[in-house]
Every structure is written in structure tokens, then in C-alpha cells.
Amino acid sequence: MIVIYIYDLKITGKKAYNNLKRNFYYSLNKQKERFKRRTKSVLLVEERDEKEIDKFFKQWVGFIELYKIKADSIEQVFVKEEQTPVEK
């Protein structure tokens, strides 16, 4: 089973938001062997790592909005292809 976390940082004020964002992503990157990051606010986690990631997110209660989805499979529909630079 795959666990999908969807999160959004929630704090008012530009300076406070940037500080929260920096600290949150610094802490999240320490956990990066436990998840695959699909977009800036979606994590895919194997079921065996669910408790550790739950523990990580509990540190941020009051500062994030968090949703957790459990799925048996995920199908990638499409992905944006890398663009090659245009030569002049």
C-alpha cells in the first residue's frame, strides 16, 4: 500500500511564511530516504514508513494543513517532458 500526503503550509505574514517554509523543508529533507516527492506539496510513502512520516508532520500541527490518502496503486497519466534549450 502507498500512503499519499498532501500538505500546505499555513501562516500569515511574508517573513513568518518564509521562515516556516525554510525550517519545514530543511526538516523534511532530513527524512528524504523515507519518501518520494512528486510535487512541492505531495509525498508518496511506503506503508512501512507511515508512522515515521506521521511523527514528522505532528511537529508542524498548527502550521500545516495535511491530508493523507491510502492507495493500492497509482498510475502516472503523463509527465511534462524536459525542454531542450533553443540554440541561437
Protein backbone atom coordinates (compact mmCIF):
# COMPACT_ATOMS: atom_id res chain seq x y z
CA MET A 1 0.00 0.00 0.00
CA ILE A 2 1.12 3.53 -0.76
CA VAL A 3 0.38 6.48 1.51
CA ILE A 4 -0.04 9.85 -0.17
CA TYR A 5 0.39 13.01 1.90
CA ILE A 6 -0.91 16.32 0.59
CA TYR A 7 0.08 19.34 2.65
CA ASP A 8 0.02 23.12 2.59
CA LEU A 9 1.92 25.49 4.86
CA LYS A 10 -0.42 27.88 6.70
CA ILE A 11 0.86 31.03 8.38
CA THR A 12 0.23 34.73 7.87
CA GLY A 13 2.89 37.26 7.04
CA LYS A 14 5.57 37.03 4.38
CA LYS A 15 8.53 36.91 6.78
CA ALA A 16 6.85 34.32 9.03
CA TYR A 17 5.87 32.23 5.99
CA ASN A 18 9.41 32.27 4.57
CA ASN A 19 10.85 31.31 7.96
CA LEU A 20 8.34 28.46 8.34
CA LYS A 21 8.99 27.27 4.79
CA ARG A 22 12.76 27.22 5.28
CA ASN A 23 12.54 25.31 8.58
CA PHE A 24 9.88 22.90 7.31
CA TYR A 25 11.74 21.92 4.14
CA TYR A 26 15.06 21.68 5.99
CA SER A 27 13.46 19.19 8.40
CA LEU A 28 11.62 17.39 5.60
CA ASN A 29 14.82 16.88 3.61
CA LYS A 30 16.32 15.04 6.58
CA GLN A 31 13.58 12.43 6.03
CA LYS A 32 14.01 12.15 2.27
CA GLU A 33 15.09 8.50 2.25
CA ARG A 34 11.57 7.65 3.51
CA PHE A 35 9.55 9.22 0.70
CA LYS A 36 9.31 10.18 -2.95
CA ARG A 37 8.49 13.79 -3.58
CA ARG A 38 6.15 14.21 -6.55
CA THR A 39 5.40 17.94 -6.34
CA LYS A 40 6.15 20.66 -3.85
CA SER A 41 3.24 19.60 -1.64
CA VAL A 42 2.75 15.86 -2.29
CA LEU A 43 4.72 12.98 -0.79
CA LEU A 44 4.47 9.27 -1.64
CA VAL A 45 5.41 7.00 1.23
CA GLU A 46 5.62 3.23 1.57
CA GLU A 47 3.29 1.88 4.24
CA ARG A 48 6.27 0.76 6.38
CA ASP A 49 7.37 4.42 6.77
CA GLU A 50 3.93 5.84 7.51
CA LYS A 51 4.38 6.11 11.29
CA GLU A 52 7.69 7.97 10.95
CA ILE A 53 6.24 10.48 8.48
CA ASP A 54 3.14 10.91 10.69
CA LYS A 55 5.50 11.68 13.56
CA PHE A 56 7.33 14.24 11.41
CA PHE A 57 4.10 16.03 10.45
CA LYS A 58 2.88 16.13 14.08
CA GLN A 59 5.74 18.54 14.80
CA TRP A 60 4.06 21.03 12.47
CA VAL A 61 0.48 20.93 13.83
CA GLY A 62 -0.93 24.45 13.69
CA PHE A 63 1.31 25.40 10.77
CA ILE A 64 0.17 23.00 8.04
CA GLU A 65 -3.00 21.62 6.53
CA LEU A 66 -2.49 17.90 5.95
CA TYR A 67 -4.39 15.17 4.13
CA LYS A 68 -3.46 11.50 3.99
CA ILE A 69 -4.67 9.06 1.34
CA LYS A 70 -4.04 5.32 1.28
CA ALA A 71 -3.98 3.65 -2.14
CA ASP A 72 -3.22 0.21 -3.53
CA SER A 73 -1.83 1.62 -6.76
CA ILE A 74 -1.01 4.84 -8.55
CA GLU A 75 -0.96 5.32 -12.29
CA GLN A 76 1.08 8.10 -13.84
CA VAL A 77 -1.01 9.56 -16.63
CA PHE A 78 1.61 11.87 -18.10
CA VAL A 79 4.62 13.90 -17.15
CA LYS A 80 5.93 17.11 -18.67
CA GLU A 81 8.88 16.37 -20.91
CA GLU A 82 12.11 18.23 -20.36
CA GLN A 83 12.50 21.09 -22.80
CA THR A 84 15.79 21.46 -24.60
CA PRO A 85 17.19 24.97 -24.92
CA VAL A 86 16.80 26.58 -28.29
CA GLU A 87 20.12 27.35 -29.92
CA LYS A 88 20.57 30.80 -31.41
